[in-house]
C-alpha atoms as a PDB file:
ATOM      1  CA  MET A   1     -16.475 -25.698  15.077  1.00  0.00           C
ATOM      2  CA  LYS A   2     -20.196 -26.063  15.760  1.00  0.00           C
ATOM      3  CA  THR A   3     -23.031 -24.555  13.772  1.00  0.00           C
ATOM      4  CA  GLU A   4     -26.690 -24.207  14.574  1.00  0.00           C
ATOM      5  CA  CYS A   5     -28.626 -26.172  12.002  1.00  0.00           C
ATOM      6  CA  PHE A   6     -28.521 -28.380   8.968  1.00  0.00           C
ATOM      7  CA  TYR A   7     -31.202 -27.674   6.331  1.00  0.00           C
ATOM      8  CA  HIS A   8     -33.688 -26.124   8.789  1.00  0.00           C
ATOM      9  CA  PRO A   9     -33.466 -24.386  12.215  1.00  0.00           C
ATOM     10  CA  LEU A  10     -35.146 -27.443  13.766  1.00  0.00           C
ATOM     11  CA  TRP A  11     -32.570 -29.814  12.255  1.00  0.00           C
ATOM     12  CA  PRO A  12     -29.471 -29.570  14.455  1.00  0.00           C
ATOM     13  CA  ILE A  13     -25.871 -30.016  13.488  1.00  0.00           C
ATOM     14  CA  ILE A  14     -24.526 -31.757  16.557  1.00  0.00           C
ATOM     15  CA  TYR A  15     -20.843 -31.359  15.712  1.00  0.00           C
ATOM     16  CA  GLU A  16     -18.768 -30.100  12.801  1.00  0.00           C
ATOM     17  CA  ASP A  17     -15.070 -29.594  12.136  1.00  0.00           C
ATOM     18  CA  ASN A  18     -12.635 -30.401   9.321  1.00  0.00           C
ATOM     19  CA  HIS A  19     -12.682 -34.109  10.185  1.00  0.00           C
ATOM     20  CA  LEU A  20     -16.160 -34.949  11.545  1.00  0.00           C
ATOM     21  CA  LEU A  21     -19.811 -34.154  10.934  1.00  0.00           C
ATOM     22  CA  GLY A  22     -22.371 -35.188  13.560  1.00  0.00           C
ATOM     23  CA  LEU A  23     -26.001 -34.935  12.451  1.00  0.00           C
ATOM     24  CA  TYR A  24     -29.471 -35.662  13.785  1.00  0.00           C
ATOM     25  CA  LYS A  25     -31.260 -38.441  11.902  1.00  0.00           C
ATOM     26  CA  PRO A  26     -35.050 -38.320  12.098  1.00  0.00           C
ATOM     27  CA  ALA A  27     -36.917 -41.627  12.163  1.00  0.00           C
ATOM     28  CA  GLY A  28     -37.922 -42.752   8.688  1.00  0.00           C
ATOM     29  CA  LEU A  29     -34.864 -41.320   6.920  1.00  0.00           C
ATOM     30  CA  LEU A  30     -32.253 -43.737   5.603  1.00  0.00           C
ATOM     31  CA  VAL A  31     -28.665 -43.260   6.774  1.00  0.00           C
ATOM     32  CA  GLN A  32     -27.329 -44.511   3.431  1.00  0.00           C
ATOM     33  CA  GLY A  33     -29.178 -44.579   0.116  1.00  0.00           C
ATOM     34  CA  ASP A  34     -30.455 -47.836  -1.325  1.00  0.00           C
ATOM     35  CA  ARG A  35     -31.993 -49.066  -4.575  1.00  0.00           C
ATOM     36  CA  THR A  36     -35.218 -47.145  -3.898  1.00  0.00           C
ATOM     37  CA  GLY A  37     -33.467 -43.846  -4.598  1.00  0.00           C
ATOM     38  CA  GLU A  38     -35.069 -42.247  -1.538  1.00  0.00           C
ATOM     39  CA  ALA A  39     -33.375 -39.462   0.414  1.00  0.00           C
ATOM     40  CA  SER A  40     -30.592 -40.437   2.797  1.00  0.00           C
ATOM     41  CA  LEU A  41     -28.730 -38.572   5.533  1.00  0.00           C
ATOM     42  CA  LEU A  42     -25.386 -39.352   3.871  1.00  0.00           C
ATOM     43  CA  ASP A  43     -26.420 -37.830   0.539  1.00  0.00           C
ATOM     44  CA  LEU A  44     -27.991 -34.812   2.221  1.00  0.00           C
ATOM     45  CA  GLY A  45     -24.780 -34.289   4.184  1.00  0.00           C
ATOM     46  CA  LYS A  46     -22.690 -34.389   1.010  1.00  0.00           C
ATOM     47  CA  LYS A  47     -24.964 -31.863  -0.707  1.00  0.00           C
ATOM     48  CA  TRP A  48     -24.876 -29.558   2.288  1.00  0.00           C
ATOM     49  CA  LEU A  49     -21.070 -29.648   2.472  1.00  0.00           C
ATOM     50  CA  LYS A  50     -20.791 -28.985  -1.238  1.00  0.00           C
ATOM     51  CA  GLU A  51     -23.040 -25.931  -0.932  1.00  0.00           C
ATOM     52  CA  CYS A  52     -21.474 -24.574   2.283  1.00  0.00           C
ATOM     53  CA  CYS A  53     -17.852 -25.157   1.341  1.00  0.00           C
ATOM     54  CA  GLY A  54     -18.163 -24.473  -2.388  1.00  0.00           C
ATOM     55  CA  LYS A  55     -16.322 -27.686  -3.210  1.00  0.00           C
ATOM     56  CA  PRO A  56     -16.051 -28.634  -6.909  1.00  0.00           C
ATOM     57  CA  GLY A  57     -16.667 -32.214  -7.907  1.00  0.00           C
ATOM     58  CA  LYS A  58     -17.553 -34.978  -5.487  1.00  0.00           C
ATOM     59  CA  VAL A  59     -17.580 -34.391  -1.728  1.00  0.00           C
ATOM     60  CA  PHE A  60     -16.013 -37.014   0.522  1.00  0.00           C
ATOM     61  CA  LEU A  61     -18.176 -38.041   3.476  1.00  0.00           C
ATOM     62  CA  ALA A  62     -17.746 -41.498   4.993  1.00  0.00           C
ATOM     63  CA  MET A  63     -20.350 -43.498   6.874  1.00  0.00           C
ATOM     64  CA  VAL A  64     -18.785 -45.270   9.877  1.00  0.00           C
ATOM     65  CA  HIS A  65     -21.937 -46.549  11.607  1.00  0.00           C
ATOM     66  CA  ARG A  66     -25.676 -46.516  11.059  1.00  0.00           C
ATOM     67  CA  LEU A  67     -29.088 -46.398  12.711  1.00  0.00           C
ATOM     68  CA  ASP A  68     -32.106 -48.437  11.650  1.00  0.00           C
ATOM     69  CA  ARG A  69     -34.511 -46.491   9.471  1.00  0.00           C
ATOM     70  CA  PRO A  70     -37.294 -46.201  12.122  1.00  0.00           C
ATOM     71  CA  VAL A  71     -34.801 -45.107  14.805  1.00  0.00           C
ATOM     72  CA  ALA A  72     -33.827 -41.449  15.397  1.00  0.00           C
ATOM     73  CA  GLY A  73     -30.769 -39.868  16.981  1.00  0.00           C
ATOM     74  CA  VAL A  74     -27.150 -38.866  16.486  1.00  0.00           C
ATOM     75  CA  VAL A  75     -25.156 -40.164  13.517  1.00  0.00           C
ATOM     76  CA  LEU A  76     -21.461 -39.455  13.008  1.00  0.00           C
ATOM     77  CA  PHE A  77     -19.849 -39.104   9.570  1.00  0.00           C
ATOM     78  CA  CYS A  78     -16.192 -38.556   8.704  1.00  0.00           C
ATOM     79  CA  ARG A  79     -14.931 -35.879   6.322  1.00  0.00           C
ATOM     80  CA  THR A  80     -11.500 -37.369   5.677  1.00  0.00           C
ATOM     81  CA  SER A  81     -10.252 -40.882   4.984  1.00  0.00           C
ATOM     82  CA  LYS A  82      -7.831 -40.632   7.922  1.00  0.00           C
ATOM     83  CA  ALA A  83     -10.682 -39.780  10.295  1.00  0.00           C
ATOM     84  CA  ALA A  84     -12.841 -42.572   8.845  1.00  0.00           C
ATOM     85  CA  ALA A  85     -10.104 -45.165   9.398  1.00  0.00           C
ATOM     86  CA  ARG A  86      -9.455 -44.050  12.982  1.00  0.00           C
ATOM     87  CA  ILE A  87     -13.117 -43.742  13.985  1.00  0.00           C
ATOM     88  CA  SER A  88     -13.928 -47.105  12.381  1.00  0.00           C
ATOM     89  CA  ALA A  89     -11.141 -48.657  14.437  1.00  0.00           C
ATOM     90  CA  GLN A  90     -12.696 -47.177  17.590  1.00  0.00           C
ATOM     91  CA  PHE A  91     -16.066 -48.681  16.701  1.00  0.00           C
ATOM     92  CA  ARG A  92     -14.522 -52.088  15.988  1.00  0.00           C
ATOM     93  CA  SER A  93     -12.600 -52.132  19.267  1.00  0.00           C
ATOM     94  CA  GLY A  94     -15.618 -51.025  21.318  1.00  0.00           C
ATOM     95  CA  ARG A  95     -13.958 -47.803  22.497  1.00  0.00           C
ATOM     96  CA  ILE A  96     -16.875 -45.636  21.390  1.00  0.00           C
ATOM     97  CA  ARG A  97     -19.631 -45.470  24.013  1.00  0.00           C
ATOM     98  CA  LYS A  98     -23.125 -45.520  22.505  1.00  0.00           C
ATOM     99  CA  HIS A  99     -26.082 -44.423  24.631  1.00  0.00           C
ATOM    100  CA  TYR A 100     -29.788 -44.781  23.856  1.00  0.00           C
ATOM    101  CA  LEU A 101     -33.179 -44.143  25.390  1.00  0.00           C
ATOM    102  CA  ALA A 102     -36.014 -46.582  24.757  1.00  0.00           C
ATOM    103  CA  VAL A 103     -39.656 -46.838  25.760  1.00  0.00           C
ATOM    104  CA  ALA A 104     -40.550 -50.500  26.187  1.00  0.00           C
ATOM    105  CA  GLU A 105     -43.882 -52.195  26.641  1.00  0.00           C
ATOM    106  CA  GLY A 106     -44.368 -53.595  30.154  1.00  0.00           C
ATOM    107  CA  ASP A 107     -42.785 -53.082  33.560  1.00  0.00           C
ATOM    108  CA  VAL A 108     -39.226 -54.146  32.744  1.00  0.00           C
ATOM    109  CA  THR A 109     -37.713 -56.516  35.269  1.00  0.00           C
ATOM    110  CA  PRO A 110     -35.093 -56.770  36.509  1.00  0.00           C
ATOM    111  CA  SER A 111     -34.784 -52.983  36.673  1.00  0.00           C
ATOM    112  CA  ALA A 112     -31.146 -53.102  35.580  1.00  0.00           C
ATOM    113  CA  GLY A 113     -28.986 -55.667  33.907  1.00  0.00           C
ATOM    114  CA  ARG A 114     -26.619 -56.747  31.178  1.00  0.00           C
ATOM    115  CA  LEU A 115     -27.909 -58.749  28.220  1.00  0.00           C
ATOM    116  CA  VAL A 116     -25.580 -61.099  26.332  1.00  0.00           C
ATOM    117  CA  ASN A 117     -27.026 -63.077  23.429  1.00  0.00           C
ATOM    118  CA  GLN A 118     -26.006 -64.789  20.206  1.00  0.00           C
ATOM    119  CA  LEU A 119     -27.594 -63.092  17.182  1.00  0.00           C
ATOM    120  CA  GLU A 120     -27.947 -64.497  13.691  1.00  0.00           C
ATOM    121  CA  ARG A 121     -28.793 -62.195  10.833  1.00  0.00           C
ATOM    122  CA  HIS A 122     -31.219 -63.948   8.489  1.00  0.00           C
ATOM    123  CA  ASP A 123     -31.539 -61.264   5.796  1.00  0.00           C
ATOM    124  CA  GLU A 124     -31.577 -57.484   5.335  1.00  0.00           C
ATOM    125  CA  ARG A 125     -34.816 -57.184   7.286  1.00  0.00           C
ATOM    126  CA  SER A 126     -34.500 -59.349  10.374  1.00  0.00           C
ATOM    127  CA  SER A 127     -32.221 -61.078  12.885  1.00  0.00           C
ATOM    128  CA  VAL A 128     -32.919 -63.766  15.496  1.00  0.00           C
ATOM    129  CA  ILE A 129     -31.465 -64.814  18.825  1.00  0.00           C
ATOM    130  CA  VAL A 130     -30.159 -68.371  18.970  1.00  0.00           C
ATOM    131  CA  ALA A 131     -29.584 -70.452  22.096  1.00  0.00           C
ATOM    132  CA  GLU A 132     -25.935 -71.270  21.366  1.00  0.00           C
ATOM    133  CA  ALA A 133     -23.133 -69.868  19.246  1.00  0.00           C
ATOM    134  CA  THR A 134     -23.131 -70.994  15.623  1.00  0.00           C
ATOM    135  CA  PRO A 135     -20.805 -70.302  12.677  1.00  0.00           C
ATOM    136  CA  ARG A 136     -23.267 -67.581  11.587  1.00  0.00           C
ATOM    137  CA  SER A 137     -23.948 -65.976  14.969  1.00  0.00           C
ATOM    138  CA  ARG A 138     -22.239 -63.033  16.662  1.00  0.00           C
ATOM    139  CA  GLU A 139     -22.276 -62.063  20.322  1.00  0.00           C
ATOM    140  CA  ALA A 140     -24.452 -59.067  21.215  1.00  0.00           C
ATOM    141  CA  ARG A 141     -23.983 -57.199  24.501  1.00  0.00           C
ATOM    142  CA  LEU A 142     -25.727 -54.258  26.127  1.00  0.00           C
ATOM    143  CA  SER A 143     -26.408 -52.848  29.590  1.00  0.00           C
ATOM    144  CA  TYR A 144     -29.644 -51.165  30.619  1.00  0.00           C
ATOM    145  CA  ARG A 145     -31.393 -49.582  33.564  1.00  0.00           C
ATOM    146  CA  VAL A 146     -34.975 -48.504  34.059  1.00  0.00           C
ATOM    147  CA  LEU A 147     -35.292 -44.749  34.591  1.00  0.00           C
ATOM    148  CA  ASP A 148     -39.049 -44.625  35.125  1.00  0.00           C
ATOM    149  CA  VAL A 149     -42.237 -46.659  34.857  1.00  0.00           C
ATOM    150  CA  ALA A 150     -45.625 -45.258  33.831  1.00  0.00           C
ATOM    151  CA  GLY A 151     -48.620 -47.534  33.495  1.00  0.00           C
ATOM    152  CA  SER A 152     -47.669 -50.399  31.225  1.00  0.00           C
ATOM    153  CA  ARG A 153     -44.502 -48.808  29.839  1.00  0.00           C
ATOM    154  CA  SER A 154     -40.886 -48.419  30.975  1.00  0.00           C
ATOM    155  CA  LEU A 155     -38.320 -45.781  30.089  1.00  0.00           C
ATOM    156  CA  LEU A 156     -34.856 -47.325  29.733  1.00  0.00           C
ATOM    157  CA  GLU A 157     -31.349 -45.972  29.415  1.00  0.00           C
ATOM    158  CA  ILE A 158     -29.162 -48.294  27.357  1.00  0.00           C
ATOM    159  CA  GLU A 159     -25.436 -48.504  26.738  1.00  0.00           C
ATOM    160  CA  LEU A 160     -24.655 -50.544  23.661  1.00  0.00           C
ATOM    161  CA  GLU A 161     -21.454 -52.565  23.879  1.00  0.00           C
ATOM    162  CA  THR A 162     -21.622 -54.098  20.393  1.00  0.00           C
ATOM    163  CA  GLY A 163     -23.367 -52.955  17.235  1.00  0.00           C
ATOM    164  CA  ARG A 164     -25.289 -55.868  15.775  1.00  0.00           C
ATOM    165  CA  HIS A 165     -28.197 -55.652  13.345  1.00  0.00           C
ATOM    166  CA  HIS A 166     -31.399 -54.665  15.244  1.00  0.00           C
ATOM    167  CA  GLN A 167     -29.589 -55.582  18.458  1.00  0.00           C
ATOM    168  CA  ILE A 168     -31.393 -53.435  21.054  1.00  0.00           C
ATOM    169  CA  ARG A 169     -34.788 -54.080  19.486  1.00  0.00           C
ATOM    170  CA  LEU A 170     -34.249 -57.826  19.403  1.00  0.00           C
ATOM    171  CA  GLN A 171     -32.648 -58.217  22.838  1.00  0.00           C
ATOM    172  CA  LEU A 172     -35.390 -56.273  24.645  1.00  0.00           C
ATOM    173  CA  ALA A 173     -38.061 -58.235  22.784  1.00  0.00           C
ATOM    174  CA  HIS A 174     -36.321 -61.477  23.745  1.00  0.00           C
ATOM    175  CA  LEU A 175     -36.387 -60.332  27.378  1.00  0.00           C
ATOM    176  CA  GLY A 176     -40.173 -59.977  26.984  1.00  0.00           C
ATOM    177  CA  PHE A 177     -40.398 -56.186  26.618  1.00  0.00           C
ATOM    178  CA  PRO A 178     -40.567 -55.066  22.975  1.00  0.00           C
ATOM    179  CA  ILE A 179     -39.905 -51.432  22.153  1.00  0.00           C
ATOM    180  CA  LEU A 180     -42.981 -49.297  21.661  1.00  0.00           C
ATOM    181  CA  GLY A 181     -44.023 -49.279  18.001  1.00  0.00           C
ATOM    182  CA  ASP A 182     -41.653 -52.082  16.962  1.00  0.00           C
ATOM    183  CA  LEU A 183     -44.097 -54.407  15.199  1.00  0.00           C
ATOM    184  CA  ARG A 184     -41.262 -56.434  13.686  1.00  0.00           C
ATOM    185  CA  TYR A 185     -40.225 -57.651  17.140  1.00  0.00           C
ATOM    186  CA  GLY A 186     -43.522 -58.043  18.929  1.00  0.00           C
ATOM    187  CA  ALA A 187     -44.911 -54.593  19.822  1.00  0.00           C
ATOM    188  CA  SER A 188     -48.674 -54.541  20.239  1.00  0.00           C
ATOM    189  CA  ALA A 189     -49.391 -51.509  18.021  1.00  0.00           C
ATOM    190  CA  PRO A 190     -47.623 -49.105  15.641  1.00  0.00           C
ATOM    191  CA  LEU A 191     -46.728 -45.514  16.447  1.00  0.00           C
ATOM    192  CA  PRO A 192     -48.318 -42.767  14.316  1.00  0.00           C
ATOM    193  CA  GLY A 193     -45.199 -42.158  12.222  1.00  0.00           C
ATOM    194  CA  ARG A 194     -44.239 -45.863  12.038  1.00  0.00           C
ATOM    195  CA  GLN A 195     -41.121 -45.051  14.062  1.00  0.00           C
ATOM    196  CA  VAL A 196     -39.961 -47.115  17.038  1.00  0.00           C
ATOM    197  CA  ALA A 197     -39.392 -45.520  20.469  1.00  0.00           C
ATOM    198  CA  LEU A 198     -35.619 -45.971  20.399  1.00  0.00           C
ATOM    199  CA  PHE A 199     -33.395 -42.901  20.350  1.00  0.00           C
ATOM    200  CA  ALA A 200     -29.606 -42.646  19.981  1.00  0.00           C
ATOM    201  CA  THR A 201     -28.898 -39.917  22.522  1.00  0.00           C
ATOM    202  CA  GLN A 202     -25.114 -39.652  22.481  1.00  0.00           C
ATOM    203  CA  LEU A 203     -21.733 -40.924  21.341  1.00  0.00           C
ATOM    204  CA  GLU A 204     -18.529 -40.666  23.379  1.00  0.00           C
ATOM    205  CA  LEU A 205     -15.326 -41.028  21.382  1.00  0.00           C
ATOM    206  CA  GLU A 206     -11.772 -39.838  20.927  1.00  0.00           C
ATOM    207  CA  HIS A 207     -11.286 -37.152  18.309  1.00  0.00           C
ATOM    208  CA  PRO A 208      -9.363 -38.729  15.417  1.00  0.00           C
ATOM    209  CA  THR A 209      -6.609 -36.097  15.245  1.00  0.00           C
ATOM    210  CA  ARG A 210      -6.630 -34.149  18.505  1.00  0.00           C
ATOM    211  CA  LYS A 211      -6.873 -37.276  20.695  1.00  0.00           C
ATOM    212  CA  GLU A 212      -9.320 -35.452  22.966  1.00  0.00           C
ATOM    213  CA  SER A 213     -12.518 -36.910  24.406  1.00  0.00           C
ATOM    214  CA  LEU A 214     -15.555 -35.822  22.409  1.00  0.00           C
ATOM    215  CA  LEU A 215     -19.216 -36.060  23.443  1.00  0.00           C
ATOM    216  CA  LEU A 216     -21.896 -35.809  20.777  1.00  0.00           C
ATOM    217  CA  ARG A 217     -25.318 -35.403  22.370  1.00  0.00           C
ATOM    218  CA  CYS A 218     -28.625 -35.162  20.519  1.00  0.00           C
ATOM    219  CA  PRO A 219     -31.733 -33.378  21.903  1.00  0.00           C
ATOM    220  CA  LEU A 220     -34.854 -35.487  22.335  1.00  0.00           C
ATOM    221  CA  PRO A 221     -37.311 -34.927  19.495  1.00  0.00           C
ATOM    222  CA  GLN A 222     -40.773 -33.451  19.625  1.00  0.00           C
ATOM    223  CA  SER A 223     -43.497 -35.904  20.734  1.00  0.00           C
ATOM    224  CA  TRP A 224     -41.083 -38.354  22.382  1.00  0.00           C
ATOM    225  CA  PRO A 225     -43.549 -40.732  24.089  1.00  0.00           C
ATOM    226  CA  TRP A 226     -42.753 -40.232  27.746  1.00  0.00           C
ATOM    227  CA  PRO A 227     -44.866 -37.889  29.923  1.00  0.00           C
ATOM    228  CA  SER A 228     -42.121 -36.765  32.303  1.00  0.00           C
ATOM    229  CA  THR A 229     -39.433 -36.229  29.656  1.00  0.00           C
ATOM    230  CA  ARG A 230     -39.003 -32.512  29.214  1.00  0.00           C
ATOM    231  CA  GLU A 231     -38.829 -31.493  25.579  1.00  0.00           C
ATOM    232  CA  GLU A 232     -35.869 -29.226  24.899  1.00  0.00           C
ATOM    233  CA  THR A 233     -36.341 -25.794  23.323  1.00  0.00           C
ATOM    234  CA  GLY A 234     -36.134 -26.059  19.544  1.00  0.00           C
ATOM    235  CA  ALA A 235     -36.366 -29.857  19.615  1.00  0.00           C
ATOM    236  CA  PRO A 236     -36.331 -31.414  16.147  1.00  0.00           C
ATOM    237  CA  PRO A 237     -39.338 -33.269  14.702  1.00  0.00           C
ATOM    238  CA  TRP A 238     -39.195 -36.963  15.470  1.00  0.00           C
ATOM    239  CA  ASN A 239     -40.151 -38.253  12.039  1.00  0.00           C
ATOM    240  CA  TRP A 240     -38.742 -37.495   8.586  1.00  0.00           C
ATOM    241  CA  SER A 241     -42.309 -37.099   7.281  1.00  0.00           C
ATOM    242  CA  GLU A 242     -42.710 -34.187   9.731  1.00  0.00           C
ATOM    243  CA  LEU A 243     -39.355 -32.584   8.960  1.00  0.00           C
ATOM    244  CA  GLU A 244     -39.232 -32.895   5.182  1.00  0.00           C
ATOM    245  CA  PRO A 245     -42.207 -30.541   4.500  1.00  0.00           C
ATOM    246  CA  LEU A 246     -40.485 -27.791   6.539  1.00  0.00           C
ATOM    247  CA  LEU A 247     -37.455 -27.687   4.280  1.00  0.00           C
ATOM    248  CA  ASP A 248     -36.792 -24.927   1.776  1.00  0.00           C
ATOM    249  CA  PRO A 249     -37.454 -26.333  -1.741  1.00  0.00           C
ATOM    250  CA  GLY A 250     -34.353 -24.482  -2.877  1.00  0.00           C
ATOM    251  CA  SER A 251     -32.097 -26.146  -0.334  1.00  0.00           C
ATOM    252  CA  GLY A 252     -31.220 -28.993  -2.666  1.00  0.00           C
ATOM    253  CA  THR A 253     -32.675 -31.704  -0.444  1.00  0.00           C
ATOM    254  CA  SER A 254     -34.836 -33.310  -3.107  1.00  0.00           C
ATOM    255  CA  MET A 255     -33.289 -36.538  -4.211  1.00  0.00           C
END
């Protein structure tokens, strides 16, 4: 089953059935709530399901992966514990294919490649690449290719093989080409909404009960910073600060 929108016509539901819920996450919105008490996609999803399905009590919705707060794109949640266990196993085994687009500073060379690094997570806010494996490090792998170059920027397509903290952002910066707007990892200037130009475009997975291949694809948002990228009709706002004011105050999205 697939429906048109989430809390607003410009906020797409990417996929929905009795086991899965695929949603668009705008940049700036948390995937999971934290001690700040700010809105999160997980909590909004639970509220929406409660309203749409008329469920009494607590609604089950499991987070099986996440995106960094300044990153936008597709996020998959699970509506049953069985689905959550099976999808989590797919993530752990690397069977889920994760695709991204990124705009990087500089003319990225080589124009295609595979990056393999050892990453150490220092705290909740940052990770670093280390020269050799350590007891605290984990291997990070991705493949990329340059789709286009314009001036001093490159548009990259990325397939993520692992899912380490800040992995794409850190590996591209280590290569010498930080992602546009990513001040934490060396970008020269911020973007207007403090987002970074990294977008989770699609997930390819096996449905947890039907055992069929499933493709969850997210439309590029408004104002994506690439001149030749054609904005899709009804594209969602890129940033949470742009989307939140459009919502109906009665929709229950206030946290």
